[in-house]
Amino acid sequence: MVMLTGTRWIEKLMPPVVTGAVVMIIGLNL
């Protein structure tokens, strides 16, 4: 999909506030 449409939608779907929180919970959950 990125090859066809570009990267902008990915960066919009997962801004730093989302990616930071998701990465953080990997460690906390375990």
PDB file of all heavy atoms in Angstrom:
ATOM      1  N   MET A   1       0.826  -1.209   0.000  1.00  0.00           N
ATOM      2  CA  MET A   1       0.000   0.000   0.000  1.00  0.00           C
ATOM      3  C   MET A   1       0.858   1.255   0.000  1.00  0.00           C
ATOM      4  O   MET A   1       0.557   2.236  -0.694  1.00  0.00           O
ATOM      5  CB  MET A   1      -0.924  -0.008   1.231  1.00  0.00           C
ATOM      6  CG  MET A   1      -2.055  -1.009   1.158  1.00  0.00           C
ATOM      7  SD  MET A   1      -3.077  -1.014   2.655  1.00  0.00           S
ATOM      8  CE  MET A   1      -3.761   0.639   2.611  1.00  0.00           C
ATOM      9  N   VAL A   2       1.941   1.238   0.769  1.00  0.00           N
ATOM     10  CA  VAL A   2       2.856   2.384   0.813  1.00  0.00           C
ATOM     11  C   VAL A   2       3.523   2.583  -0.538  1.00  0.00           C
ATOM     12  O   VAL A   2       3.694   3.722  -1.006  1.00  0.00           O
ATOM     13  CB  VAL A   2       3.913   2.197   1.924  1.00  0.00           C
ATOM     14  CG1 VAL A   2       5.010   3.247   1.820  1.00  0.00           C
ATOM     15  CG2 VAL A   2       3.253   2.265   3.300  1.00  0.00           C
ATOM     16  N   MET A   3       3.886   1.491  -1.198  1.00  0.00           N
ATOM     17  CA  MET A   3       4.501   1.593  -2.525  1.00  0.00           C
ATOM     18  C   MET A   3       3.545   2.242  -3.521  1.00  0.00           C
ATOM     19  O   MET A   3       3.962   2.983  -4.419  1.00  0.00           O
ATOM     20  CB  MET A   3       4.918   0.203  -3.018  1.00  0.00           C
ATOM     21  CG  MET A   3       6.094  -0.396  -2.257  1.00  0.00           C
ATOM     22  SD  MET A   3       6.515  -2.088  -2.771  1.00  0.00           S
ATOM     23  CE  MET A   3       7.193  -1.784  -4.407  1.00  0.00           C
ATOM     24  N   LEU A   4       2.242   1.988  -3.341  1.00  0.00           N
ATOM     25  CA  LEU A   4       1.237   2.523  -4.259  1.00  0.00           C
ATOM     26  C   LEU A   4       0.799   3.939  -3.902  1.00  0.00           C
ATOM     27  O   LEU A   4       0.505   4.745  -4.798  1.00  0.00           O
ATOM     28  CB  LEU A   4       0.009   1.608  -4.280  1.00  0.00           C
ATOM     29  CG  LEU A   4       0.190   0.229  -4.924  1.00  0.00           C
ATOM     30  CD1 LEU A   4      -1.044  -0.636  -4.690  1.00  0.00           C
ATOM     31  CD2 LEU A   4       0.468   0.368  -6.420  1.00  0.00           C
ATOM     32  N   THR A   5       0.743   4.260  -2.588  1.00  0.00           N
ATOM     33  CA  THR A   5       0.113   5.508  -2.158  1.00  0.00           C
ATOM     34  C   THR A   5       1.043   6.490  -1.446  1.00  0.00           C
ATOM     35  O   THR A   5       0.644   7.612  -1.160  1.00  0.00           O
ATOM     36  CB  THR A   5      -1.078   5.203  -1.215  1.00  0.00           C
ATOM     37  OG1 THR A   5      -0.579   4.527  -0.039  1.00  0.00           O
ATOM     38  CG2 THR A   5      -2.095   4.303  -1.902  1.00  0.00           C
ATOM     39  N   GLY A   6       2.258   6.083  -1.095  1.00  0.00           N
ATOM     40  CA  GLY A   6       3.168   6.967  -0.370  1.00  0.00           C
ATOM     41  C   GLY A   6       3.107   6.735   1.131  1.00  0.00           C
ATOM     42  O   GLY A   6       2.332   5.906   1.627  1.00  0.00           O
ATOM     43  N   THR A   7       3.886   7.506   1.879  1.00  0.00           N
ATOM     44  CA  THR A   7       4.076   7.264   3.321  1.00  0.00           C
ATOM     45  C   THR A   7       3.253   8.187   4.225  1.00  0.00           C
ATOM     46  O   THR A   7       3.195   7.970   5.430  1.00  0.00           O
ATOM     47  CB  THR A   7       5.558   7.452   3.700  1.00  0.00           C
ATOM     48  OG1 THR A   7       5.941   8.817   3.421  1.00  0.00           O
ATOM     49  CG2 THR A   7       6.450   6.519   2.911  1.00  0.00           C
ATOM     50  N   ARG A   8       2.629   9.207   3.646  1.00  0.00           N
ATOM     51  CA  ARG A   8       1.987  10.234   4.475  1.00  0.00           C
ATOM     52  C   ARG A   8       0.890   9.666   5.374  1.00  0.00           C
ATOM     53  O   ARG A   8       0.762  10.045   6.542  1.00  0.00           O
ATOM     54  CB  ARG A   8       1.421  11.341   3.584  1.00  0.00           C
ATOM     55  CG  ARG A   8       1.053  12.600   4.352  1.00  0.00           C
ATOM     56  CD  ARG A   8       0.828  13.771   3.412  1.00  0.00           C
ATOM     57  NE  ARG A   8       0.521  14.968   4.174  1.00  0.00           N
ATOM     58  CZ  ARG A   8      -0.704  15.336   4.526  1.00  0.00           C
ATOM     59  NH1 ARG A   8      -1.730  14.578   4.182  1.00  0.00           N
ATOM     60  NH2 ARG A   8      -0.906  16.440   5.206  1.00  0.00           N
ATOM     61  N   TRP A   9       0.114   8.723   4.856  1.00  0.00           N
ATOM     62  CA  TRP A   9      -1.005   8.174   5.638  1.00  0.00           C
ATOM     63  C   TRP A   9      -0.507   7.351   6.826  1.00  0.00           C
ATOM     64  O   TRP A   9      -1.151   7.327   7.876  1.00  0.00           O
ATOM     65  CB  TRP A   9      -1.926   7.342   4.754  1.00  0.00           C
ATOM     66  CG  TRP A   9      -1.314   6.087   4.199  1.00  0.00           C
ATOM     67  CD1 TRP A   9      -0.576   5.958   3.060  1.00  0.00           C
ATOM     68  CD2 TRP A   9      -1.387   4.776   4.769  1.00  0.00           C
ATOM     69  NE1 TRP A   9      -0.179   4.657   2.871  1.00  0.00           N
ATOM     70  CE2 TRP A   9      -0.673   3.908   3.903  1.00  0.00           C
ATOM     71  CE3 TRP A   9      -1.991   4.251   5.907  1.00  0.00           C
ATOM     72  CZ2 TRP A   9      -0.530   2.542   4.157  1.00  0.00           C
ATOM     73  CZ3 TRP A   9      -1.869   2.889   6.166  1.00  0.00           C
ATOM     74  CH2 TRP A   9      -1.147   2.051   5.292  1.00  0.00           C
ATOM     75  N   ILE A  10       0.633   6.703   6.669  1.00  0.00           N
ATOM     76  CA  ILE A  10       1.204   5.934   7.776  1.00  0.00           C
ATOM     77  C   ILE A  10       1.606   6.869   8.908  1.00  0.00           C
ATOM     78  O   ILE A  10       1.344   6.624  10.092  1.00  0.00           O
ATOM     79  CB  ILE A  10       2.439   5.135   7.302  1.00  0.00           C
ATOM     80  CG1 ILE A  10       1.990   3.869   6.568  1.00  0.00           C
ATOM     81  CG2 ILE A  10       3.347   4.739   8.455  1.00  0.00           C
ATOM     82  CD1 ILE A  10       1.513   2.758   7.479  1.00  0.00           C
ATOM     83  N   GLU A  11       2.259   7.968   8.549  1.00  0.00           N
ATOM     84  CA  GLU A  11       2.705   8.937   9.549  1.00  0.00           C
ATOM     85  C   GLU A  11       1.516   9.627  10.212  1.00  0.00           C
ATOM     86  O   GLU A  11       1.592  10.023  11.373  1.00  0.00           O
ATOM     87  CB  GLU A  11       3.638   9.958   8.901  1.00  0.00           C
ATOM     88  CG  GLU A  11       4.931   9.319   8.403  1.00  0.00           C
ATOM     89  CD  GLU A  11       5.822  10.266   7.608  1.00  0.00           C
ATOM     90  OE1 GLU A  11       5.343  10.799   6.600  1.00  0.00           O
ATOM     91  OE2 GLU A  11       6.973  10.449   7.998  1.00  0.00           O
ATOM     92  N   LYS A  12       0.397   9.761   9.468  1.00  0.00           N
ATOM     93  CA  LYS A  12      -0.828  10.354  10.033  1.00  0.00           C
ATOM     94  C   LYS A  12      -1.524   9.373  10.972  1.00  0.00           C
ATOM     95  O   LYS A  12      -2.040   9.749  12.034  1.00  0.00           O
ATOM     96  CB  LYS A  12      -1.775  10.723   8.883  1.00  0.00           C
ATOM     97  CG  LYS A  12      -2.945  11.602   9.292  1.00  0.00           C
ATOM     98  CD  LYS A  12      -2.514  13.043   9.471  1.00  0.00           C
ATOM     99  CE  LYS A  12      -3.717  13.941   9.708  1.00  0.00           C
ATOM    100  NZ  LYS A  12      -3.317  15.332  10.009  1.00  0.00           N
ATOM    101  N   LEU A  13      -1.542   8.089  10.587  1.00  0.00           N
ATOM    102  CA  LEU A  13      -2.211   7.063  11.391  1.00  0.00           C
ATOM    103  C   LEU A  13      -1.473   6.822  12.704  1.00  0.00           C
ATOM    104  O   LEU A  13      -2.105   6.587  13.744  1.00  0.00           O
ATOM    105  CB  LEU A  13      -2.272   5.754  10.595  1.00  0.00           C
ATOM    106  CG  LEU A  13      -3.010   4.569  11.241  1.00  0.00           C
ATOM    107  CD1 LEU A  13      -4.502   4.849  11.302  1.00  0.00           C
ATOM    108  CD2 LEU A  13      -2.736   3.289  10.470  1.00  0.00           C
ATOM    109  N   MET A  14      -0.134   6.887  12.646  1.00  0.00           N
ATOM    110  CA  MET A  14       0.672   6.585  13.831  1.00  0.00           C
ATOM    111  C   MET A  14       1.671   7.708  14.113  1.00  0.00           C
ATOM    112  O   MET A  14       2.864   7.558  13.881  1.00  0.00           O
ATOM    113  CB  MET A  14       1.399   5.257  13.653  1.00  0.00           C
ATOM    114  CG  MET A  14       0.467   4.076  13.602  1.00  0.00           C
ATOM    115  SD  MET A  14       1.366   2.501  13.595  1.00  0.00           S
ATOM    116  CE  MET A  14       2.203   2.630  12.027  1.00  0.00           C
ATOM    117  N   PRO A  15       1.185   8.842  14.623  1.00  0.00           N
ATOM    118  CA  PRO A  15       2.089   9.921  15.004  1.00  0.00           C
ATOM    119  C   PRO A  15       2.913   9.506  16.219  1.00  0.00           C
ATOM    120  O   PRO A  15       2.635   8.472  16.844  1.00  0.00           O
ATOM    121  CB  PRO A  15       1.130  11.066  15.343  1.00  0.00           C
ATOM    122  CG  PRO A  15      -0.127  10.387  15.776  1.00  0.00           C
ATOM    123  CD  PRO A  15      -0.225   9.159  14.935  1.00  0.00           C
ATOM    124  N   PRO A  16       3.918  10.284  16.594  1.00  0.00           N
ATOM    125  CA  PRO A  16       4.803   9.908  17.712  1.00  0.00           C
ATOM    126  C   PRO A  16       4.089   9.600  19.024  1.00  0.00           C
ATOM    127  O   PRO A  16       4.538   8.744  19.781  1.00  0.00           O
ATOM    128  CB  PRO A  16       5.705  11.132  17.849  1.00  0.00           C
ATOM    129  CG  PRO A  16       5.768  11.709  16.478  1.00  0.00           C
ATOM    130  CD  PRO A  16       4.401  11.487  15.898  1.00  0.00           C
ATOM    131  N   VAL A  17       2.971  10.268  19.314  1.00  0.00           N
ATOM    132  CA  VAL A  17       2.275  10.002  20.576  1.00  0.00           C
ATOM    133  C   VAL A  17       1.756   8.559  20.609  1.00  0.00           C
ATOM    134  O   VAL A  17       1.763   7.897  21.652  1.00  0.00           O
ATOM    135  CB  VAL A  17       1.116  11.003  20.807  1.00  0.00           C
ATOM    136  CG1 VAL A  17       0.022  10.848  19.755  1.00  0.00           C
ATOM    137  CG2 VAL A  17       0.555  10.838  22.212  1.00  0.00           C
ATOM    138  N   VAL A  18       1.341   8.045  19.447  1.00  0.00           N
ATOM    139  CA  VAL A  18       0.844   6.673  19.354  1.00  0.00           C
ATOM    140  C   VAL A  18       2.003   5.679  19.378  1.00  0.00           C
ATOM    141  O   VAL A  18       2.002   4.726  20.150  1.00  0.00           O
ATOM    142  CB  VAL A  18      -0.003   6.479  18.077  1.00  0.00           C
ATOM    143  CG1 VAL A  18      -0.331   4.997  17.866  1.00  0.00           C
ATOM    144  CG2 VAL A  18      -1.283   7.284  18.168  1.00  0.00           C
ATOM    145  N   THR A  19       2.999   5.889  18.509  1.00  0.00           N
ATOM    146  CA  THR A  19       4.108   4.930  18.428  1.00  0.00           C
ATOM    147  C   THR A  19       4.876   4.862  19.748  1.00  0.00           C
ATOM    148  O   THR A  19       5.286   3.785  20.178  1.00  0.00           O
ATOM    149  CB  THR A  19       5.076   5.298  17.284  1.00  0.00           C
ATOM    150  OG1 THR A  19       5.518   6.645  17.445  1.00  0.00           O
ATOM    151  CG2 THR A  19       4.399   5.143  15.938  1.00  0.00           C
ATOM    152  N   GLY A  20       5.057   6.015  20.400  1.00  0.00           N
ATOM    153  CA  GLY A  20       5.758   6.016  21.689  1.00  0.00           C
ATOM    154  C   GLY A  20       5.021   5.206  22.733  1.00  0.00           C
ATOM    155  O   GLY A  20       5.624   4.406  23.460  1.00  0.00           O
ATOM    156  N   ALA A  21       3.703   5.385  22.801  1.00  0.00           N
ATOM    157  CA  ALA A  21       2.897   4.652  23.787  1.00  0.00           C
ATOM    158  C   ALA A  21       2.887   3.157  23.508  1.00  0.00           C
ATOM    159  O   ALA A  21       2.997   2.332  24.416  1.00  0.00           O
ATOM    160  CB  ALA A  21       1.469   5.196  23.798  1.00  0.00           C
ATOM    161  N   VAL A  22       2.766   2.789  22.234  1.00  0.00           N
ATOM    162  CA  VAL A  22       2.703   1.376  21.864  1.00  0.00           C
ATOM    163  C   VAL A  22       4.030   0.673  22.159  1.00  0.00           C
ATOM    164  O   VAL A  22       4.058  -0.447  22.674  1.00  0.00           O
ATOM    165  CB  VAL A  22       2.322   1.217  20.373  1.00  0.00           C
ATOM    166  CG1 VAL A  22       2.486  -0.225  19.925  1.00  0.00           C
ATOM    167  CG2 VAL A  22       0.882   1.673  20.155  1.00  0.00           C
ATOM    168  N   VAL A  23       5.143   1.329  21.826  1.00  0.00           N
ATOM    169  CA  VAL A  23       6.459   0.751  22.133  1.00  0.00           C
ATOM    170  C   VAL A  23       6.614   0.593  23.650  1.00  0.00           C
ATOM    171  O   VAL A  23       7.100  -0.430  24.140  1.00  0.00           O
ATOM    172  CB  VAL A  23       7.591   1.624  21.558  1.00  0.00           C
ATOM    173  CG1 VAL A  23       8.952   1.166  22.085  1.00  0.00           C
ATOM    174  CG2 VAL A  23       7.580   1.569  20.031  1.00  0.00           C
ATOM    175  N   MET A  24       6.187   1.589  24.406  1.00  0.00           N
ATOM    176  CA  MET A  24       6.320   1.556  25.861  1.00  0.00           C
ATOM    177  C   MET A  24       5.580   0.382  26.488  1.00  0.00           C
ATOM    178  O   MET A  24       6.083  -0.282  27.398  1.00  0.00           O
ATOM    179  CB  MET A  24       5.807   2.876  26.444  1.00  0.00           C
ATOM    180  CG  MET A  24       5.948   2.975  27.958  1.00  0.00           C
ATOM    181  SD  MET A  24       5.432   4.579  28.591  1.00  0.00           S
ATOM    182  CE  MET A  24       6.825   5.590  28.111  1.00  0.00           C
ATOM    183  N   ILE A  25       4.375   0.081  26.006  1.00  0.00           N
ATOM    184  CA  ILE A  25       3.572  -0.965  26.643  1.00  0.00           C
ATOM    185  C   ILE A  25       4.120  -2.369  26.375  1.00  0.00           C
ATOM    186  O   ILE A  25       3.783  -3.310  27.103  1.00  0.00           O
ATOM    187  CB  ILE A  25       2.088  -0.901  26.211  1.00  0.00           C
ATOM    188  CG1 ILE A  25       1.948  -1.128  24.701  1.00  0.00           C
ATOM    189  CG2 ILE A  25       1.464   0.405  26.658  1.00  0.00           C
ATOM    190  CD1 ILE A  25       0.518  -1.240  24.215  1.00  0.00           C
ATOM    191  N   ILE A  26       4.957  -2.524  25.367  1.00  0.00           N
ATOM    192  CA  ILE A  26       5.560  -3.840  25.124  1.00  0.00           C
ATOM    193  C   ILE A  26       6.380  -4.244  26.341  1.00  0.00           C
ATOM    194  O   ILE A  26       6.317  -5.379  26.813  1.00  0.00           O
ATOM    195  CB  ILE A  26       6.449  -3.818  23.864  1.00  0.00           C
ATOM    196  CG1 ILE A  26       5.618  -3.530  22.619  1.00  0.00           C
ATOM    197  CG2 ILE A  26       7.170  -5.155  23.694  1.00  0.00           C
ATOM    198  CD1 ILE A  26       6.450  -3.315  21.372  1.00  0.00           C
ATOM    199  N   GLY A  27       7.176  -3.297  26.843  1.00  0.00           N
ATOM    200  CA  GLY A  27       7.986  -3.576  28.028  1.00  0.00           C
ATOM    201  C   GLY A  27       7.154  -3.672  29.288  1.00  0.00           C
ATOM    202  O   GLY A  27       7.331  -4.597  30.096  1.00  0.00           O
ATOM    203  N   LEU A  28       6.224  -2.752  29.484  1.00  0.00           N
ATOM    204  CA  LEU A  28       5.425  -2.728  30.710  1.00  0.00           C
ATOM    205  C   LEU A  28       4.521  -3.945  30.840  1.00  0.00           C
ATOM    206  O   LEU A  28       4.307  -4.465  31.935  1.00  0.00           O
ATOM    207  CB  LEU A  28       4.577  -1.451  30.743  1.00  0.00           C
ATOM    208  CG  LEU A  28       5.341  -0.133  30.908  1.00  0.00           C
ATOM    209  CD1 LEU A  28       4.387   1.054  30.807  1.00  0.00           C
ATOM    210  CD2 LEU A  28       6.087  -0.103  32.242  1.00  0.00           C
ATOM    211  N   ASN A  29       3.983  -4.414  29.720  1.00  0.00           N
ATOM    212  CA  ASN A  29       3.072  -5.551  29.752  1.00  0.00           C
ATOM    213  C   ASN A  29       3.763  -6.820  30.241  1.00  0.00           C
ATOM    214  O   ASN A  29       3.157  -7.673  30.884  1.00  0.00           O
ATOM    215  CB  ASN A  29       2.491  -5.776  28.345  1.00  0.00           C
ATOM    216  CG  ASN A  29       1.467  -6.895  28.299  1.00  0.00           C
ATOM    217  OD1 ASN A  29       1.812  -8.037  28.011  1.00  0.00           O
ATOM    218  ND2 ASN A  29       0.212  -6.570  28.574  1.00  0.00           N
ATOM    219  N   LEU A  30       5.062  -6.937  29.951  1.00  0.00           N
ATOM    220  CA  LEU A  30       5.804  -8.143  30.293  1.00  0.00           C
ATOM    221  C   LEU A  30       6.435  -8.104  31.681  1.00  0.00           C
ATOM    222  O   LEU A  30       6.857  -9.139  32.200  1.00  0.00           O
ATOM    223  CB  LEU A  30       6.906  -8.375  29.259  1.00  0.00           C
ATOM    224  CG  LEU A  30       6.420  -8.805  27.875  1.00  0.00           C
ATOM    225  CD1 LEU A  30       7.531  -8.613  26.866  1.00  0.00           C
ATOM    226  CD2 LEU A  30       5.967 -10.241  27.887  1.00  0.00           C
TER     227      LEU A  30
END
